[in-house]
Amino acid sequence: MSKTVDEYVVEVEYVPREHALLIEEFEKILESYRGREIFHEELAVDIAERIRNAISPAYVKVVARSTYRGVEVEVTAEIGGQPTIYI
């Protein structure tokens, strides 16, 4: 761990079944990482798993982007089948 403060842009895409994720619940999930030491890869996977556990979507994809020492880092975690294609 570098002990530096990291900032992430987190993008979430999911296909709901019965329930949608409330903005308030998503904010709680994100806020729970404040001050926590975690690797990029773990962050994306953990957020995807927490969304899956909260609403059981058919598909969830989480992309976490940040810049670490001048290098852009993008990590993607996907759970479930491929998303439905709408035409």
PDB file of N, CA and C in Angstrom:
ATOM      1  N   MET A   1       0.836  -1.173   0.000  1.00  0.00           N
ATOM      2  CA  MET A   1       0.000   0.000   0.000  1.00  0.00           C
ATOM      3  C   MET A   1       0.883   1.240   0.000  1.00  0.00           C
ATOM      4  N   SER A   2       0.483   2.210  -0.793  1.00  0.00           N
ATOM      5  CA  SER A   2       1.294   3.408  -0.944  1.00  0.00           C
ATOM      6  C   SER A   2       0.993   4.474   0.111  1.00  0.00           C
ATOM      7  N   LYS A   3      -0.103   4.324   0.834  1.00  0.00           N
ATOM      8  CA  LYS A   3      -0.537   5.299   1.845  1.00  0.00           C
ATOM      9  C   LYS A   3      -0.921   6.647   1.234  1.00  0.00           C
ATOM     10  N   THR A   4      -1.092   6.705  -0.085  1.00  0.00           N
ATOM     11  CA  THR A   4      -1.555   7.929  -0.724  1.00  0.00           C
ATOM     12  C   THR A   4      -3.075   7.914  -0.781  1.00  0.00           C
ATOM     13  N   VAL A   5      -3.661   9.076  -0.848  1.00  0.00           N
ATOM     14  CA  VAL A   5      -5.110   9.177  -0.964  1.00  0.00           C
ATOM     15  C   VAL A   5      -5.461   9.021  -2.438  1.00  0.00           C
ATOM     16  N   ASP A   6      -6.270   8.030  -2.731  1.00  0.00           N
ATOM     17  CA  ASP A   6      -6.679   7.776  -4.112  1.00  0.00           C
ATOM     18  C   ASP A   6      -8.094   8.289  -4.330  1.00  0.00           C
ATOM     19  N   GLU A   7      -8.320   8.801  -5.525  1.00  0.00           N
ATOM     20  CA  GLU A   7      -9.652   9.199  -5.939  1.00  0.00           C
ATOM     21  C   GLU A   7     -10.034   8.347  -7.128  1.00  0.00           C
ATOM     22  N   TYR A   8     -11.260   7.881  -7.129  1.00  0.00           N
ATOM     23  CA  TYR A   8     -11.738   7.010  -8.185  1.00  0.00           C
ATOM     24  C   TYR A   8     -12.964   7.603  -8.865  1.00  0.00           C
ATOM     25  N   VAL A   9     -13.130   7.265 -10.112  1.00  0.00           N
ATOM     26  CA  VAL A   9     -14.383   7.463 -10.808  1.00  0.00           C
ATOM     27  C   VAL A   9     -14.957   6.057 -10.935  1.00  0.00           C
ATOM     28  N   VAL A  10     -16.148   5.856 -10.395  1.00  0.00           N
ATOM     29  CA  VAL A  10     -16.766   4.530 -10.405  1.00  0.00           C
ATOM     30  C   VAL A  10     -18.001   4.582 -11.297  1.00  0.00           C
ATOM     31  N   GLU A  11     -18.032   3.675 -12.256  1.00  0.00           N
ATOM     32  CA  GLU A  11     -19.163   3.575 -13.182  1.00  0.00           C
ATOM     33  C   GLU A  11     -19.824   2.223 -12.962  1.00  0.00           C
ATOM     34  N   VAL A  12     -21.136   2.240 -12.788  1.00  0.00           N
ATOM     35  CA  VAL A  12     -21.880   1.006 -12.532  1.00  0.00           C
ATOM     36  C   VAL A  12     -22.943   0.828 -13.604  1.00  0.00           C
ATOM     37  N   GLU A  13     -23.011  -0.383 -14.111  1.00  0.00           N
ATOM     38  CA  GLU A  13     -24.039  -0.759 -15.081  1.00  0.00           C
ATOM     39  C   GLU A  13     -24.651  -2.061 -14.579  1.00  0.00           C
ATOM     40  N   TYR A  14     -25.972  -2.143 -14.538  1.00  0.00           N
ATOM     41  CA  TYR A  14     -26.583  -3.404 -14.120  1.00  0.00           C
ATOM     42  C   TYR A  14     -27.937  -3.597 -14.787  1.00  0.00           C
ATOM     43  N   VAL A  15     -28.347  -4.856 -14.846  1.00  0.00           N
ATOM     44  CA  VAL A  15     -29.658  -5.222 -15.382  1.00  0.00           C
ATOM     45  C   VAL A  15     -30.470  -5.726 -14.196  1.00  0.00           C
ATOM     46  N   PRO A  16     -31.454  -4.950 -13.738  1.00  0.00           N
ATOM     47  CA  PRO A  16     -32.216  -5.341 -12.555  1.00  0.00           C
ATOM     48  C   PRO A  16     -33.165  -6.499 -12.839  1.00  0.00           C
ATOM     49  N   ARG A  17     -33.495  -7.202 -11.794  1.00  0.00           N
ATOM     50  CA  ARG A  17     -34.532  -8.227 -11.881  1.00  0.00           C
ATOM     51  C   ARG A  17     -35.800  -7.638 -11.272  1.00  0.00           C
ATOM     52  N   GLU A  18     -35.907  -7.678  -9.959  1.00  0.00           N
ATOM     53  CA  GLU A  18     -37.103  -7.167  -9.292  1.00  0.00           C
ATOM     54  C   GLU A  18     -36.885  -5.804  -8.648  1.00  0.00           C
ATOM     55  N   HIS A  19     -35.638  -5.509  -8.264  1.00  0.00           N
ATOM     56  CA  HIS A  19     -35.364  -4.297  -7.497  1.00  0.00           C
ATOM     57  C   HIS A  19     -34.281  -3.463  -8.156  1.00  0.00           C
ATOM     58  N   ALA A  20     -34.359  -2.171  -7.929  1.00  0.00           N
ATOM     59  CA  ALA A  20     -33.317  -1.247  -8.377  1.00  0.00           C
ATOM     60  C   ALA A  20     -32.515  -0.798  -7.151  1.00  0.00           C
ATOM     61  N   LEU A  21     -31.300  -0.370  -7.390  1.00  0.00           N
ATOM     62  CA  LEU A  21     -30.447   0.108  -6.312  1.00  0.00           C
ATOM     63  C   LEU A  21     -30.776   1.577  -6.036  1.00  0.00           C
ATOM     64  N   LEU A  22     -31.157   1.866  -4.816  1.00  0.00           N
ATOM     65  CA  LEU A  22     -31.458   3.242  -4.438  1.00  0.00           C
ATOM     66  C   LEU A  22     -30.174   4.061  -4.382  1.00  0.00           C
ATOM     67  N   ILE A  23     -30.273   5.314  -4.766  1.00  0.00           N
ATOM     68  CA  ILE A  23     -29.116   6.213  -4.719  1.00  0.00           C
ATOM     69  C   ILE A  23     -28.534   6.257  -3.309  1.00  0.00           C
ATOM     70  N   GLU A  24     -29.401   6.298  -2.301  1.00  0.00           N
ATOM     71  CA  GLU A  24     -28.939   6.353  -0.919  1.00  0.00           C
ATOM     72  C   GLU A  24     -28.115   5.120  -0.564  1.00  0.00           C
ATOM     73  N   GLU A  25     -28.553   3.954  -1.024  1.00  0.00           N
ATOM     74  CA  GLU A  25     -27.823   2.709  -0.746  1.00  0.00           C
ATOM     75  C   GLU A  25     -26.481   2.709  -1.469  1.00  0.00           C
ATOM     76  N   PHE A  26     -26.465   3.196  -2.704  1.00  0.00           N
ATOM     77  CA  PHE A  26     -25.212   3.276  -3.452  1.00  0.00           C
ATOM     78  C   PHE A  26     -24.240   4.238  -2.769  1.00  0.00           C
ATOM     79  N   GLU A  27     -24.742   5.357  -2.271  1.00  0.00           N
ATOM     80  CA  GLU A  27     -23.902   6.308  -1.548  1.00  0.00           C
ATOM     81  C   GLU A  27     -23.299   5.665  -0.300  1.00  0.00           C
ATOM     82  N   LYS A  28     -24.088   4.857   0.421  1.00  0.00           N
ATOM     83  CA  LYS A  28     -23.581   4.162   1.608  1.00  0.00           C
ATOM     84  C   LYS A  28     -22.463   3.189   1.233  1.00  0.00           C
ATOM     85  N   ILE A  29     -22.656   2.480   0.129  1.00  0.00           N
ATOM     86  CA  ILE A  29     -21.621   1.544  -0.324  1.00  0.00           C
ATOM     87  C   ILE A  29     -20.331   2.301  -0.601  1.00  0.00           C
ATOM     88  N   LEU A  30     -20.421   3.386  -1.367  1.00  0.00           N
ATOM     89  CA  LEU A  30     -19.221   4.152  -1.701  1.00  0.00           C
ATOM     90  C   LEU A  30     -18.588   4.785  -0.473  1.00  0.00           C
ATOM     91  N   GLU A  31     -19.392   5.327   0.404  1.00  0.00           N
ATOM     92  CA  GLU A  31     -18.887   5.994   1.606  1.00  0.00           C
ATOM     93  C   GLU A  31     -18.144   5.015   2.524  1.00  0.00           C
ATOM     94  N   SER A  32     -18.506   3.747   2.476  1.00  0.00           N
ATOM     95  CA  SER A  32     -17.869   2.754   3.358  1.00  0.00           C
ATOM     96  C   SER A  32     -16.384   2.548   3.039  1.00  0.00           C
ATOM     97  N   TYR A  33     -15.931   3.030   1.893  1.00  0.00           N
ATOM     98  CA  TYR A  33     -14.520   2.873   1.514  1.00  0.00           C
ATOM     99  C   TYR A  33     -13.661   4.054   1.958  1.00  0.00           C
ATOM    100  N   ARG A  34     -14.282   5.096   2.490  1.00  0.00           N
ATOM    101  CA  ARG A  34     -13.523   6.271   2.928  1.00  0.00           C
ATOM    102  C   ARG A  34     -12.539   5.868   4.031  1.00  0.00           C
ATOM    103  N   GLY A  35     -11.269   6.175   3.814  1.00  0.00           N
ATOM    104  CA  GLY A  35     -10.243   5.879   4.802  1.00  0.00           C
ATOM    105  C   GLY A  35      -9.802   4.422   4.847  1.00  0.00           C
ATOM    106  N   ARG A  36     -10.322   3.603   3.984  1.00  0.00           N
ATOM    107  CA  ARG A  36     -10.010   2.167   3.959  1.00  0.00           C
ATOM    108  C   ARG A  36      -8.909   1.896   2.947  1.00  0.00           C
ATOM    109  N   GLU A  37      -7.933   1.091   3.325  1.00  0.00           N
ATOM    110  CA  GLU A  37      -6.875   0.700   2.401  1.00  0.00           C
ATOM    111  C   GLU A  37      -7.369  -0.479   1.569  1.00  0.00           C
ATOM    112  N   ILE A  38      -7.391  -0.296   0.243  1.00  0.00           N
ATOM    113  CA  ILE A  38      -7.895  -1.339  -0.648  1.00  0.00           C
ATOM    114  C   ILE A  38      -7.263  -1.154  -2.025  1.00  0.00           C
ATOM    115  N   PHE A  39      -6.943  -2.254  -2.678  1.00  0.00           N
ATOM    116  CA  PHE A  39      -6.382  -2.202  -4.021  1.00  0.00           C
ATOM    117  C   PHE A  39      -7.483  -1.934  -5.044  1.00  0.00           C
ATOM    118  N   HIS A  40      -7.089  -1.387  -6.208  1.00  0.00           N
ATOM    119  CA  HIS A  40      -8.038  -1.081  -7.284  1.00  0.00           C
ATOM    120  C   HIS A  40      -8.910  -2.291  -7.614  1.00  0.00           C
ATOM    121  N   GLU A  41      -8.248  -3.430  -7.809  1.00  0.00           N
ATOM    122  CA  GLU A  41      -8.961  -4.646  -8.215  1.00  0.00           C
ATOM    123  C   GLU A  41      -9.977  -5.069  -7.166  1.00  0.00           C
ATOM    124  N   GLU A  42      -9.590  -4.996  -5.912  1.00  0.00           N
ATOM    125  CA  GLU A  42     -10.495  -5.368  -4.828  1.00  0.00           C
ATOM    126  C   GLU A  42     -11.692  -4.427  -4.768  1.00  0.00           C
ATOM    127  N   LEU A  43     -11.454  -3.156  -5.000  1.00  0.00           N
ATOM    128  CA  LEU A  43     -12.523  -2.164  -4.943  1.00  0.00           C
ATOM    129  C   LEU A  43     -13.620  -2.481  -5.952  1.00  0.00           C
ATOM    130  N   ALA A  44     -13.253  -2.699  -7.199  1.00  0.00           N
ATOM    131  CA  ALA A  44     -14.246  -2.978  -8.241  1.00  0.00           C
ATOM    132  C   ALA A  44     -15.017  -4.260  -7.947  1.00  0.00           C
ATOM    133  N   VAL A  45     -14.315  -5.304  -7.552  1.00  0.00           N
ATOM    134  CA  VAL A  45     -14.969  -6.586  -7.261  1.00  0.00           C
ATOM    135  C   VAL A  45     -15.879  -6.457  -6.044  1.00  0.00           C
ATOM    136  N   ASP A  46     -15.406  -5.780  -5.013  1.00  0.00           N
ATOM    137  CA  ASP A  46     -16.192  -5.638  -3.796  1.00  0.00           C
ATOM    138  C   ASP A  46     -17.481  -4.855  -4.044  1.00  0.00           C
ATOM    139  N   ILE A  47     -17.394  -3.776  -4.795  1.00  0.00           N
ATOM    140  CA  ILE A  47     -18.599  -2.990  -5.107  1.00  0.00           C
ATOM    141  C   ILE A  47     -19.583  -3.843  -5.908  1.00  0.00           C
ATOM    142  N   ALA A  48     -19.095  -4.582  -6.900  1.00  0.00           N
ATOM    143  CA  ALA A  48     -19.968  -5.445  -7.711  1.00  0.00           C
ATOM    144  C   ALA A  48     -20.649  -6.495  -6.837  1.00  0.00           C
ATOM    145  N   GLU A  49     -19.908  -7.102  -5.922  1.00  0.00           N
ATOM    146  CA  GLU A  49     -20.490  -8.127  -5.047  1.00  0.00           C
ATOM    147  C   GLU A  49     -21.524  -7.531  -4.100  1.00  0.00           C
ATOM    148  N   ARG A  50     -21.257  -6.337  -3.600  1.00  0.00           N
ATOM    149  CA  ARG A  50     -22.213  -5.708  -2.689  1.00  0.00           C
ATOM    150  C   ARG A  50     -23.500  -5.323  -3.406  1.00  0.00           C
ATOM    151  N   ILE A  51     -23.395  -4.887  -4.651  1.00  0.00           N
ATOM    152  CA  ILE A  51     -24.597  -4.599  -5.435  1.00  0.00           C
ATOM    153  C   ILE A  51     -25.358  -5.888  -5.708  1.00  0.00           C
ATOM    154  N   ARG A  52     -24.622  -6.941  -6.065  1.00  0.00           N
ATOM    155  CA  ARG A  52     -25.269  -8.240  -6.293  1.00  0.00           C
ATOM    156  C   ARG A  52     -26.006  -8.700  -5.046  1.00  0.00           C
ATOM    157  N   ASN A  53     -25.373  -8.583  -3.890  1.00  0.00           N
ATOM    158  CA  ASN A  53     -26.001  -9.016  -2.642  1.00  0.00           C
ATOM    159  C   ASN A  53     -27.201  -8.155  -2.265  1.00  0.00           C
ATOM    160  N   ALA A  54     -27.176  -6.887  -2.634  1.00  0.00           N
ATOM    161  CA  ALA A  54     -28.257  -5.976  -2.269  1.00  0.00           C
ATOM    162  C   ALA A  54     -29.514  -6.160  -3.113  1.00  0.00           C
ATOM    163  N   ILE A  55     -29.352  -6.363  -4.440  1.00  0.00           N
ATOM    164  CA  ILE A  55     -30.540  -6.379  -5.312  1.00  0.00           C
ATOM    165  C   ILE A  55     -30.620  -7.568  -6.269  1.00  0.00           C
ATOM    166  N   SER A  56     -29.626  -8.451  -6.250  1.00  0.00           N
ATOM    167  CA  SER A  56     -29.619  -9.653  -7.113  1.00  0.00           C
ATOM    168  C   SER A  56     -29.896  -9.343  -8.584  1.00  0.00           C
ATOM    169  N   PRO A  57     -29.126  -8.463  -9.197  1.00  0.00           N
ATOM    170  CA  PRO A  57     -29.365  -8.162 -10.612  1.00  0.00           C
ATOM    171  C   PRO A  57     -28.948  -9.334 -11.498  1.00  0.00           C
ATOM    172  N   ALA A  58     -29.487  -9.375 -12.701  1.00  0.00           N
ATOM    173  CA  ALA A  58     -29.099 -10.417 -13.657  1.00  0.00           C
ATOM    174  C   ALA A  58     -27.654 -10.222 -14.105  1.00  0.00           C
ATOM    175  N   TYR A  59     -27.213  -8.985 -14.096  1.00  0.00           N
ATOM    176  CA  TYR A  59     -25.867  -8.639 -14.558  1.00  0.00           C
ATOM    177  C   TYR A  59     -25.439  -7.354 -13.867  1.00  0.00           C
ATOM    178  N   VAL A  60     -24.179  -7.292 -13.455  1.00  0.00           N
ATOM    179  CA  VAL A  60     -23.624  -6.063 -12.892  1.00  0.00           C
ATOM    180  C   VAL A  60     -22.182  -5.900 -13.361  1.00  0.00           C
ATOM    181  N   LYS A  61     -21.848  -4.665 -13.729  1.00  0.00           N
ATOM    182  CA  LYS A  61     -20.503  -4.326 -14.177  1.00  0.00           C
ATOM    183  C   LYS A  61     -20.075  -3.063 -13.438  1.00  0.00           C
ATOM    184  N   VAL A  62     -18.880  -3.110 -12.855  1.00  0.00           N
ATOM    185  CA  VAL A  62     -18.329  -1.964 -12.137  1.00  0.00           C
ATOM    186  C   VAL A  62     -16.979  -1.642 -12.748  1.00  0.00           C
ATOM    187  N   VAL A  63     -16.795  -0.392 -13.135  1.00  0.00           N
ATOM    188  CA  VAL A  63     -15.516   0.082 -13.666  1.00  0.00           C
ATOM    189  C   VAL A  63     -14.997   1.138 -12.695  1.00  0.00           C
ATOM    190  N   ALA A  64     -13.779   0.932 -12.188  1.00  0.00           N
ATOM    191  CA  ALA A  64     -13.137   1.897 -11.292  1.00  0.00           C
ATOM    192  C   ALA A  64     -11.933   2.481 -12.021  1.00  0.00           C
ATOM    193  N   ARG A  65     -11.915   3.817 -12.147  1.00  0.00           N
ATOM    194  CA  ARG A  65     -10.816   4.495 -12.841  1.00  0.00           C
ATOM    195  C   ARG A  65     -10.103   5.430 -11.878  1.00  0.00           C
ATOM    196  N   SER A  66      -8.775   5.465 -11.992  1.00  0.00           N
ATOM    197  CA  SER A  66      -7.995   6.407 -11.193  1.00  0.00           C
ATOM    198  C   SER A  66      -6.653   6.632 -11.869  1.00  0.00           C
ATOM    199  N   THR A  67      -5.900   7.558 -11.324  1.00  0.00           N
ATOM    200  CA  THR A  67      -4.547   7.806 -11.809  1.00  0.00           C
ATOM    201  C   THR A  67      -3.597   7.559 -10.651  1.00  0.00           C
ATOM    202  N   TYR A  68      -2.635   6.692 -10.860  1.00  0.00           N
ATOM    203  CA  TYR A  68      -1.675   6.331  -9.826  1.00  0.00           C
ATOM    204  C   TYR A  68      -0.275   6.662 -10.316  1.00  0.00           C
ATOM    205  N   ARG A  69       0.352   7.634  -9.685  1.00  0.00           N
ATOM    206  CA  ARG A  69       1.697   8.072 -10.063  1.00  0.00           C
ATOM    207  C   ARG A  69       1.795   8.408 -11.549  1.00  0.00           C
ATOM    208  N   GLY A  70       0.781   9.086 -12.053  1.00  0.00           N
ATOM    209  CA  GLY A  70       0.779   9.514 -13.444  1.00  0.00           C
ATOM    210  C   GLY A  70       0.293   8.478 -14.441  1.00  0.00           C
ATOM    211  N   VAL A  71      -0.045   7.293 -13.968  1.00  0.00           N
ATOM    212  CA  VAL A  71      -0.510   6.217 -14.841  1.00  0.00           C
ATOM    213  C   VAL A  71      -2.013   6.037 -14.635  1.00  0.00           C
ATOM    214  N   GLU A  72      -2.754   6.089 -15.741  1.00  0.00           N
ATOM    215  CA  GLU A  72      -4.194   5.864 -15.650  1.00  0.00           C
ATOM    216  C   GLU A  72      -4.472   4.376 -15.473  1.00  0.00           C
ATOM    217  N   VAL A  73      -5.295   4.071 -14.475  1.00  0.00           N
ATOM    218  CA  VAL A  73      -5.625   2.685 -14.155  1.00  0.00           C
ATOM    219  C   VAL A  73      -7.134   2.509 -14.289  1.00  0.00           C
ATOM    220  N   GLU A  74      -7.542   1.439 -14.970  1.00  0.00           N
ATOM    221  CA  GLU A  74      -8.963   1.115 -15.119  1.00  0.00           C
ATOM    222  C   GLU A  74      -9.142  -0.360 -14.798  1.00  0.00           C
ATOM    223  N   VAL A  75     -10.017  -0.641 -13.855  1.00  0.00           N
ATOM    224  CA  VAL A  75     -10.294  -2.016 -13.433  1.00  0.00           C
ATOM    225  C   VAL A  75     -11.779  -2.282 -13.636  1.00  0.00           C
ATOM    226  N   THR A  76     -12.112  -3.434 -14.206  1.00  0.00           N
ATOM    227  CA  THR A  76     -13.503  -3.798 -14.465  1.00  0.00           C
ATOM    228  C   THR A  76     -13.832  -5.114 -13.776  1.00  0.00           C
ATOM    229  N   ALA A  77     -14.984  -5.154 -13.116  1.00  0.00           N
ATOM    230  CA  ALA A  77     -15.498  -6.383 -12.511  1.00  0.00           C
ATOM    231  C   ALA A  77     -16.899  -6.617 -13.060  1.00  0.00           C
ATOM    232  N   GLU A  78     -17.164  -7.838 -13.525  1.00  0.00           N
ATOM    233  CA  GLU A  78     -18.484  -8.190 -14.063  1.00  0.00           C
ATOM    234  C   GLU A  78     -18.984  -9.454 -13.379  1.00  0.00           C
ATOM    235  N   ILE A  79     -20.267  -9.458 -13.060  1.00  0.00           N
ATOM    236  CA  ILE A  79     -20.908 -10.620 -12.437  1.00  0.00           C
ATOM    237  C   ILE A  79     -22.198 -10.885 -13.196  1.00  0.00           C
ATOM    238  N   GLY A  80     -22.447 -12.124 -13.522  1.00  0.00           N
ATOM    239  CA  GLY A  80     -23.687 -12.500 -14.194  1.00  0.00           C
ATOM    240  C   GLY A  80     -23.504 -12.666 -15.676  1.00  0.00           C
ATOM    241  N   GLY A  81     -24.613 -12.984 -16.332  1.00  0.00           N
ATOM    242  CA  GLY A  81     -24.591 -13.168 -17.786  1.00  0.00           C
ATOM    243  C   GLY A  81     -24.438 -11.857 -18.505  1.00  0.00           C
ATOM    244  N   GLN A  82     -24.305 -11.941 -19.799  1.00  0.00           N
ATOM    245  CA  GLN A  82     -24.164 -10.738 -20.614  1.00  0.00           C
ATOM    246  C   GLN A  82     -25.426  -9.896 -20.541  1.00  0.00           C
ATOM    247  N   PRO A  83     -25.292  -8.576 -20.552  1.00  0.00           N
ATOM    248  CA  PRO A  83     -26.468  -7.716 -20.482  1.00  0.00           C
ATOM    249  C   PRO A  83     -27.333  -7.849 -21.723  1.00  0.00           C
ATOM    250  N   THR A  84     -28.620  -7.589 -21.538  1.00  0.00           N
ATOM    251  CA  THR A  84     -29.561  -7.615 -22.650  1.00  0.00           C
ATOM    252  C   THR A  84     -29.247  -6.486 -23.623  1.00  0.00           C
ATOM    253  N   ILE A  85     -29.290  -6.801 -24.900  1.00  0.00           N
ATOM    254  CA  ILE A  85     -29.040  -5.788 -25.919  1.00  0.00           C
ATOM    255  C   ILE A  85     -30.399  -5.245 -26.376  1.00  0.00           C
ATOM    256  N   TYR A  86     -30.540  -3.931 -26.274  1.00  0.00           N
ATOM    257  CA  TYR A  86     -31.783  -3.288 -26.696  1.00  0.00           C
ATOM    258  C   TYR A  86     -31.558  -2.620 -28.053  1.00  0.00           C
ATOM    259  N   ILE A  87     -32.471  -2.822 -28.961  1.00  0.00           N
ATOM    260  CA  ILE A  87     -32.355  -2.228 -30.279  1.00  0.00           C
ATOM    261  C   ILE A  87     -33.473  -1.223 -30.469  1.00  0.00           C
TER     262      ILE A  87
END
